[in-house]
């Protein structure tokens, strides 16, 4: 393990930080915090007295924040609306030091906003403003042409798919082809059932449920059923690796030849929210820094163990990952 710690420290000491291009479904998580002490006379619902409102990045923004926390140079691309929420989203990203020039505003769709009304520690209701229709071909073409120079300068290209309409087969294939033509590896966090659109990706990272649904298999409850489902996806996509996250059981790296299991590092689990985004960001960061997939996934496992001990979508740092490695050796 000390060897792994040394590799991590050499990436940290390097003059240039890994540059990661994140393309994804960008959204705003809007929270309304309040008290509720009585029911409405109009309907059997609580009356919420608003005390505070907060706004954070959601969707692919979680991946971006994880990468920023690790110390990466991040460029983010996607399609948002031309509305007030779009302005808030760009401001949060800019404040984080993230390059936003390749985010396109489309007046024909709203920026995705998820509003949660929270009383005490209980979420009463969630209100979504979104359109999940596929982005139009002209918008897709505009995004692909914008991305050309950014792909040149990226060490790794990440696609964070939340199934909100950005990753049409046309756009997804356009991005993967452009990245492959420039020798850049593409890592995908997939959603939905059509994995054929991910053809040509280097790594696809589903969780157990997503893999099972995409491969149209029964429940995945053994390494054999996991490999069987993986085989379907390898045939559809020709990807090099499938990294399957298994929540509190850790993760498995599959390739056409076999598999490697990485058991979970967490001793306690409070909240798995956003852990998949942490895994994606950490894998990409360390692979962009020159590590192989096995080492990068081992480190992603440590990162996931750190964030699931915390409540809410959390992030971690390289120093905390080193500390977690050393703790495991004691």
Protein backbone atom coordinates (compact mmCIF):
# COMPACT_ATOMS: atom_id res chain seq x y z
CA UNK A 1 0.00 0.00 0.00
CA UNK A 2 2.88 2.35 0.74
CA UNK A 3 3.76 2.05 -2.92
CA UNK A 4 0.28 3.38 -3.77
CA UNK A 5 0.70 6.23 -1.29
CA UNK A 6 4.02 7.16 -2.98
CA UNK A 7 2.36 7.20 -6.42
CA UNK A 8 -0.40 9.46 -5.09
CA UNK A 9 2.10 11.84 -3.51
CA UNK A 10 4.08 12.10 -6.75
CA UNK A 11 0.89 13.12 -8.64
CA UNK A 12 0.20 15.66 -5.91
CA UNK A 13 3.73 17.06 -6.18
CA UNK A 14 3.64 17.36 -9.99
CA UNK A 15 3.77 20.89 -11.38
CA UNK A 16 0.74 20.44 -13.62
CA UNK A 17 -2.55 19.09 -12.31
CA UNK A 18 -4.59 16.51 -14.27
CA UNK A 19 -6.93 18.30 -16.72
CA UNK A 20 -10.37 16.72 -16.97
CA UNK A 21 -13.16 17.59 -19.39
CA UNK A 22 -16.56 16.79 -17.85
CA UNK A 23 -19.52 16.68 -20.24
CA UNK A 24 -22.83 16.05 -18.57
CA UNK A 25 -26.35 16.82 -17.45
CA UNK A 26 -25.88 19.93 -15.33
CA UNK A 27 -28.51 20.83 -12.78
CA UNK A 28 -29.22 22.98 -9.77
CA UNK A 29 -30.17 21.49 -6.40
CA UNK A 30 -32.31 24.10 -4.64
CA UNK A 31 -33.16 23.55 -0.97
CA UNK A 32 -35.88 25.33 1.00
CA UNK A 33 -35.31 24.87 4.74
CA UNK A 34 -38.08 25.60 7.22
CA UNK A 35 -40.26 24.71 10.19
CA UNK A 36 -43.69 23.14 10.11
CA UNK A 37 -45.81 23.27 13.26
CA UNK A 38 -49.35 23.16 11.88
CA UNK A 39 -51.47 21.79 9.06
CA UNK A 40 -53.07 23.93 6.38
CA UNK A 41 -56.82 24.56 6.70
CA UNK A 42 -57.03 24.21 2.89
CA UNK A 43 -55.70 20.64 2.62
CA UNK A 44 -54.14 18.01 4.93
CA UNK A 45 -50.59 19.27 4.29
CA UNK A 46 -48.04 20.98 6.54
CA UNK A 47 -47.52 24.73 6.34
CA UNK A 48 -43.79 25.38 5.97
CA UNK A 49 -42.41 28.58 7.38
CA UNK A 50 -39.28 29.22 5.28
CA UNK A 51 -36.11 29.99 7.26
CA UNK A 52 -33.43 29.66 4.60
CA UNK A 53 -32.77 28.74 0.96
CA UNK A 54 -29.57 27.28 -0.50
CA UNK A 55 -28.42 26.37 -3.98
CA UNK A 56 -25.78 23.81 -4.96
CA UNK A 57 -24.70 21.98 -8.10
CA UNK A 58 -26.52 18.74 -8.92
CA UNK A 59 -26.16 16.02 -11.53
CA UNK A 60 -22.82 16.19 -13.34
CA UNK A 61 -22.00 19.15 -11.07
CA UNK A 62 -21.34 16.63 -8.26
CA UNK A 63 -18.61 15.07 -10.41
CA UNK A 64 -17.16 18.54 -11.08
CA UNK A 65 -17.08 19.41 -7.36
CA UNK A 66 -15.38 16.10 -6.53
CA UNK A 67 -12.70 16.80 -9.16
CA UNK A 68 -12.16 20.37 -7.90
CA UNK A 69 -11.81 19.03 -4.36
CA UNK A 70 -9.13 16.57 -5.53
CA UNK A 71 -7.23 19.40 -7.20
CA UNK A 72 -7.94 18.79 -10.89
CA UNK A 73 -8.13 21.47 -13.56
CA UNK A 74 -11.74 21.09 -14.69
CA UNK A 75 -13.49 22.15 -17.89
CA UNK A 76 -17.22 21.52 -17.96
CA UNK A 77 -19.56 21.25 -20.95
CA UNK A 78 -23.28 20.68 -21.33
CA UNK A 79 -26.57 22.28 -22.35
CA UNK A 80 -28.63 24.40 -19.96
CA UNK A 81 -31.55 26.81 -20.36
CA UNK A 82 -31.36 30.55 -20.87
CA UNK A 83 -32.92 31.44 -17.53
CA UNK A 84 -32.20 32.61 -13.99
CA UNK A 85 -31.15 29.12 -12.85
CA UNK A 86 -28.58 29.02 -15.69
CA UNK A 87 -27.00 32.19 -14.32
CA UNK A 88 -26.82 30.68 -10.82
CA UNK A 89 -25.27 27.48 -12.18
CA UNK A 90 -22.58 29.33 -14.16
CA UNK A 91 -21.80 31.52 -11.13
CA UNK A 92 -21.30 28.51 -8.81
CA UNK A 93 -19.01 26.84 -11.38
CA UNK A 94 -17.01 30.03 -11.99
CA UNK A 95 -16.60 30.56 -8.23
CA UNK A 96 -15.17 27.01 -8.07
CA UNK A 97 -12.56 28.00 -10.68
CA UNK A 98 -14.12 25.83 -13.40
CA UNK A 99 -13.89 26.71 -17.12
CA UNK A 100 -17.50 27.14 -18.44
CA UNK A 101 -17.04 28.43 -22.01
CA UNK A 102 -18.31 25.19 -23.54
CA UNK A 103 -21.67 25.26 -21.75
CA UNK A 104 -24.37 26.08 -24.29
CA UNK A 105 -27.60 27.92 -23.41
CA UNK A 106 -30.68 26.62 -25.23
CA UNK A 107 -33.75 28.86 -24.97
CA UNK A 108 -35.99 25.92 -25.90
CA UNK A 109 -35.37 24.07 -22.62
CA UNK A 110 -35.19 25.10 -18.97
CA UNK A 111 -32.16 24.54 -16.76
CA UNK A 112 -32.95 21.44 -14.69
CA UNK A 113 -33.75 22.50 -11.12
CA UNK A 114 -34.69 20.14 -8.30
CA UNK A 115 -36.27 21.97 -5.39
CA UNK A 116 -36.46 20.10 -2.09
CA UNK A 117 -38.50 21.38 0.83
CA UNK A 118 -36.86 20.17 4.04
CA UNK A 119 -38.26 20.44 7.56
CA UNK A 120 -35.85 19.40 10.30
CA UNK A 121 -34.13 16.40 8.73
CA UNK A 122 -37.19 15.33 6.70
CA UNK A 123 -37.73 16.07 3.02
CA UNK A 124 -41.42 16.89 2.57
CA UNK A 125 -41.57 17.25 -1.19
CA UNK A 126 -39.36 17.56 -4.27
CA UNK A 127 -40.39 19.74 -7.21
CA UNK A 128 -38.57 19.19 -10.54
CA UNK A 129 -38.37 21.70 -13.37
CA UNK A 130 -36.94 19.96 -16.40
CA UNK A 131 -37.35 18.84 -20.00
CA UNK A 132 -35.78 15.46 -20.79
CA UNK A 133 -36.27 15.50 -24.57
CA UNK A 134 -33.08 14.88 -26.56
CA UNK A 135 -31.10 17.99 -27.44
CA UNK A 136 -31.60 19.03 -31.07
CA UNK A 137 -29.02 18.15 -33.73
CA UNK A 138 -28.02 21.80 -34.33
CA UNK A 139 -27.30 22.20 -30.57
CA UNK A 140 -25.43 18.86 -30.53
CA UNK A 141 -23.31 19.95 -33.51
CA UNK A 142 -22.58 23.31 -31.85
CA UNK A 143 -21.41 21.50 -28.70
CA UNK A 144 -19.22 19.01 -30.62
CA UNK A 145 -17.48 21.81 -32.55
CA UNK A 146 -16.94 23.80 -29.31
CA UNK A 147 -15.39 20.78 -27.62
CA UNK A 148 -12.67 20.15 -30.19
CA UNK A 149 -9.95 22.34 -28.62
CA UNK A 150 -10.98 21.36 -25.08
CA UNK A 151 -10.57 17.65 -25.91
CA UNK A 152 -7.05 18.51 -27.20
CA UNK A 153 -6.10 19.94 -23.82
CA UNK A 154 -7.77 17.31 -21.62
CA UNK A 155 -5.98 14.32 -20.08
CA UNK A 156 -9.30 12.49 -19.74
CA UNK A 157 -12.88 12.96 -20.98
CA UNK A 158 -15.76 12.15 -18.59
CA UNK A 159 -19.40 11.73 -19.62
CA UNK A 160 -21.80 12.03 -16.70
CA UNK A 161 -25.20 10.87 -18.00
CA UNK A 162 -28.23 11.58 -15.80
CA UNK A 163 -30.72 10.75 -18.56
CA UNK A 164 -31.91 14.35 -18.95
CA UNK A 165 -31.69 14.43 -22.75
CA UNK A 166 -28.12 15.64 -23.33
CA UNK A 167 -26.65 12.31 -24.39
CA UNK A 168 -28.59 11.54 -27.54
CA UNK A 169 -26.94 8.72 -29.55
CA UNK A 170 -25.91 11.36 -32.12
CA UNK A 171 -24.13 13.61 -29.59
CA UNK A 172 -22.66 10.77 -27.51
CA UNK A 173 -21.10 9.09 -30.53
CA UNK A 174 -19.89 12.46 -31.85
CA UNK A 175 -18.03 13.13 -28.58
CA UNK A 176 -16.56 9.61 -28.27
CA UNK A 177 -15.34 9.64 -31.89
CA UNK A 178 -13.77 13.09 -31.45
CA UNK A 179 -11.98 12.00 -28.25
CA UNK A 180 -10.77 8.69 -29.71
CA UNK A 181 -9.45 10.47 -32.81
CA UNK A 182 -7.26 12.57 -30.51
CA UNK A 183 -6.17 9.56 -28.43
CA UNK A 184 -8.12 10.66 -25.33
CA UNK A 185 -9.74 8.04 -23.09
CA UNK A 186 -13.46 8.38 -22.36
CA UNK A 187 -15.00 7.26 -19.04
CA UNK A 188 -18.78 7.11 -18.83
CA UNK A 189 -21.20 7.07 -15.93
CA UNK A 190 -24.19 5.59 -17.78
CA UNK A 191 -27.96 5.89 -17.46
CA UNK A 192 -30.90 4.38 -19.29
CA UNK A 193 -31.05 1.19 -21.31
CA UNK A 194 -29.32 2.11 -24.57
CA UNK A 195 -25.62 1.36 -23.97
CA UNK A 196 -24.95 1.05 -27.71
CA UNK A 197 -24.60 4.84 -27.80
CA UNK A 198 -21.50 4.42 -25.57
CA UNK A 199 -19.68 2.37 -28.23
CA UNK A 200 -15.96 3.16 -28.23
CA UNK A 201 -15.71 4.31 -24.60
CA UNK A 202 -12.67 3.18 -22.59
CA UNK A 203 -14.52 2.57 -19.29
CA UNK A 204 -18.23 2.34 -18.50
CA UNK A 205 -19.09 2.61 -14.79
CA UNK A 206 -22.62 1.41 -13.93
CA UNK A 207 -23.89 0.36 -10.52
CA UNK A 208 -25.32 -3.12 -10.06
CA UNK A 209 -28.94 -2.09 -10.79
CA UNK A 210 -28.01 -0.08 -13.91
CA UNK A 211 -25.94 -2.97 -15.29
CA UNK A 212 -28.70 -5.49 -14.63
CA UNK A 213 -31.32 -3.32 -16.40
CA UNK A 214 -29.09 -2.49 -19.38
CA UNK A 215 -28.07 -6.13 -19.87
CA UNK A 216 -31.73 -7.20 -19.41
CA UNK A 217 -30.70 -9.85 -16.88
CA UNK A 218 -32.33 -11.03 -13.70
CA UNK A 219 -30.92 -9.92 -10.39
CA UNK A 220 -27.13 -9.76 -10.21
CA UNK A 221 -26.27 -11.62 -7.02
CA UNK A 222 -23.03 -13.44 -7.82
CA UNK A 223 -19.77 -12.83 -9.67
CA UNK A 224 -21.01 -15.22 -12.41
CA UNK A 225 -24.20 -13.23 -13.01
CA UNK A 226 -22.13 -10.03 -12.92
CA UNK A 227 -19.77 -11.37 -15.60
CA UNK A 228 -22.71 -12.60 -17.67
CA UNK A 229 -24.29 -9.13 -17.64
CA UNK A 230 -20.90 -7.59 -18.41
CA UNK A 231 -20.53 -9.83 -21.44
CA UNK A 232 -23.72 -8.33 -22.94
CA UNK A 233 -22.34 -4.80 -22.51
CA UNK A 234 -18.89 -5.71 -23.90
CA UNK A 235 -20.64 -7.05 -27.03
CA UNK A 236 -22.76 -3.90 -27.38
CA UNK A 237 -20.03 -1.33 -26.78
CA UNK A 238 -16.57 -2.85 -27.30
CA UNK A 239 -15.49 -0.98 -24.15
CA UNK A 240 -12.17 -2.00 -22.54
CA UNK A 241 -13.43 -2.10 -18.96
CA UNK A 242 -16.68 -2.11 -17.02
CA UNK A 243 -16.30 -0.93 -13.43
CA UNK A 244 -19.37 -1.97 -11.41
CA UNK A 245 -20.01 -0.22 -8.10
CA UNK A 246 -21.71 -2.48 -5.55
CA UNK A 247 -22.57 0.03 -2.80
CA UNK A 248 -21.44 -1.38 0.58
CA UNK A 249 -19.74 -4.35 -1.16
CA UNK A 250 -17.14 -2.23 -2.97
CA UNK A 251 -16.58 -2.59 -6.72
CA UNK A 252 -15.56 -5.02 -9.45
CA UNK A 253 -13.39 -4.28 -12.50
CA UNK A 254 -14.45 -6.42 -15.46
CA UNK A 255 -12.65 -6.90 -18.74
CA UNK A 256 -13.10 -9.52 -21.46
CA UNK A 257 -10.53 -11.80 -19.81
CA UNK A 258 -11.74 -11.78 -16.22
CA UNK A 259 -12.42 -9.64 -13.18
CA UNK A 260 -10.91 -8.10 -10.07
CA UNK A 261 -12.91 -7.50 -6.87
CA UNK A 262 -12.13 -4.53 -4.64
CA UNK A 263 -13.93 -4.90 -1.31
CA UNK A 264 -15.34 -1.77 0.32
CA UNK A 265 -13.05 0.22 2.64
CA UNK A 266 -15.83 1.76 4.74
CA UNK A 267 -16.37 0.62 8.29
CA UNK A 268 -19.56 2.62 8.67
CA UNK A 269 -22.11 3.85 6.15
CA UNK A 270 -24.22 6.96 6.78
CA UNK A 271 -25.21 8.02 3.29
CA UNK A 272 -24.32 6.63 -0.16
CA UNK A 273 -25.67 9.76 -1.92
CA UNK A 274 -23.21 10.89 -4.58
CA UNK A 275 -20.70 8.10 -3.86
CA UNK A 276 -20.88 7.02 -7.53
CA UNK A 277 -19.86 10.54 -8.58
CA UNK A 278 -16.93 10.42 -6.14
CA UNK A 279 -15.81 7.07 -7.60
CA UNK A 280 -16.01 8.42 -11.17
CA UNK A 281 -14.09 11.60 -10.33
CA UNK A 282 -11.37 9.81 -8.34
CA UNK A 283 -10.80 7.13 -10.99
CA UNK A 284 -10.51 9.78 -13.70
CA UNK A 285 -8.24 12.03 -11.64
CA UNK A 286 -5.69 9.34 -10.86
CA UNK A 287 -5.77 7.76 -14.32
CA UNK A 288 -5.23 11.22 -15.81
CA UNK A 289 -2.26 11.46 -13.44
CA UNK A 290 -0.78 8.31 -14.98
CA UNK A 291 -1.96 5.47 -12.73
CA UNK A 292 -3.39 2.22 -14.11
CA UNK A 293 -7.07 1.32 -13.71
CA UNK A 294 -6.47 -1.07 -10.78
CA UNK A 295 -4.63 1.54 -8.71
CA UNK A 296 -7.13 4.26 -9.67
CA UNK A 297 -10.08 2.06 -8.62
CA UNK A 298 -8.35 1.14 -5.35
CA UNK A 299 -8.04 4.86 -4.60
CA UNK A 300 -11.65 5.48 -5.71
CA UNK A 301 -12.70 2.83 -3.18
CA UNK A 302 -10.91 4.76 -0.43
CA UNK A 303 -12.56 8.00 -1.60
CA UNK A 304 -16.01 6.36 -1.57
CA UNK A 305 -15.37 5.03 1.95
CA UNK A 306 -14.65 8.58 3.12
CA UNK A 307 -17.75 10.20 1.57
CA UNK A 308 -20.26 7.54 2.65
CA UNK A 309 -19.30 8.23 6.27
CA UNK A 310 -20.70 11.74 5.73
CA UNK A 311 -24.28 12.90 5.21
CA UNK A 312 -25.33 14.35 1.84
CA UNK A 313 -23.36 14.53 -1.43
CA UNK A 314 -19.84 14.93 -0.06
CA UNK A 315 -16.39 15.34 -1.58
CA UNK A 316 -12.92 14.35 -0.42
CA UNK A 317 -9.32 15.43 -0.92
CA UNK A 318 -6.09 13.68 -1.90
CA UNK A 319 -4.73 14.24 1.63
CA UNK A 320 -7.76 12.48 3.13
CA UNK A 321 -7.31 9.57 0.71
CA UNK A 322 -3.65 9.21 1.76
CA UNK A 323 -4.76 9.30 5.41
CA UNK A 324 -7.37 6.59 4.72
CA UNK A 325 -4.71 4.37 3.07
CA UNK A 326 -2.39 4.78 6.07
CA UNK A 327 -5.26 4.11 8.52
CA UNK A 328 -5.87 0.79 6.76
CA UNK A 329 -2.24 -0.18 7.36
CA UNK A 330 -2.29 0.50 11.09
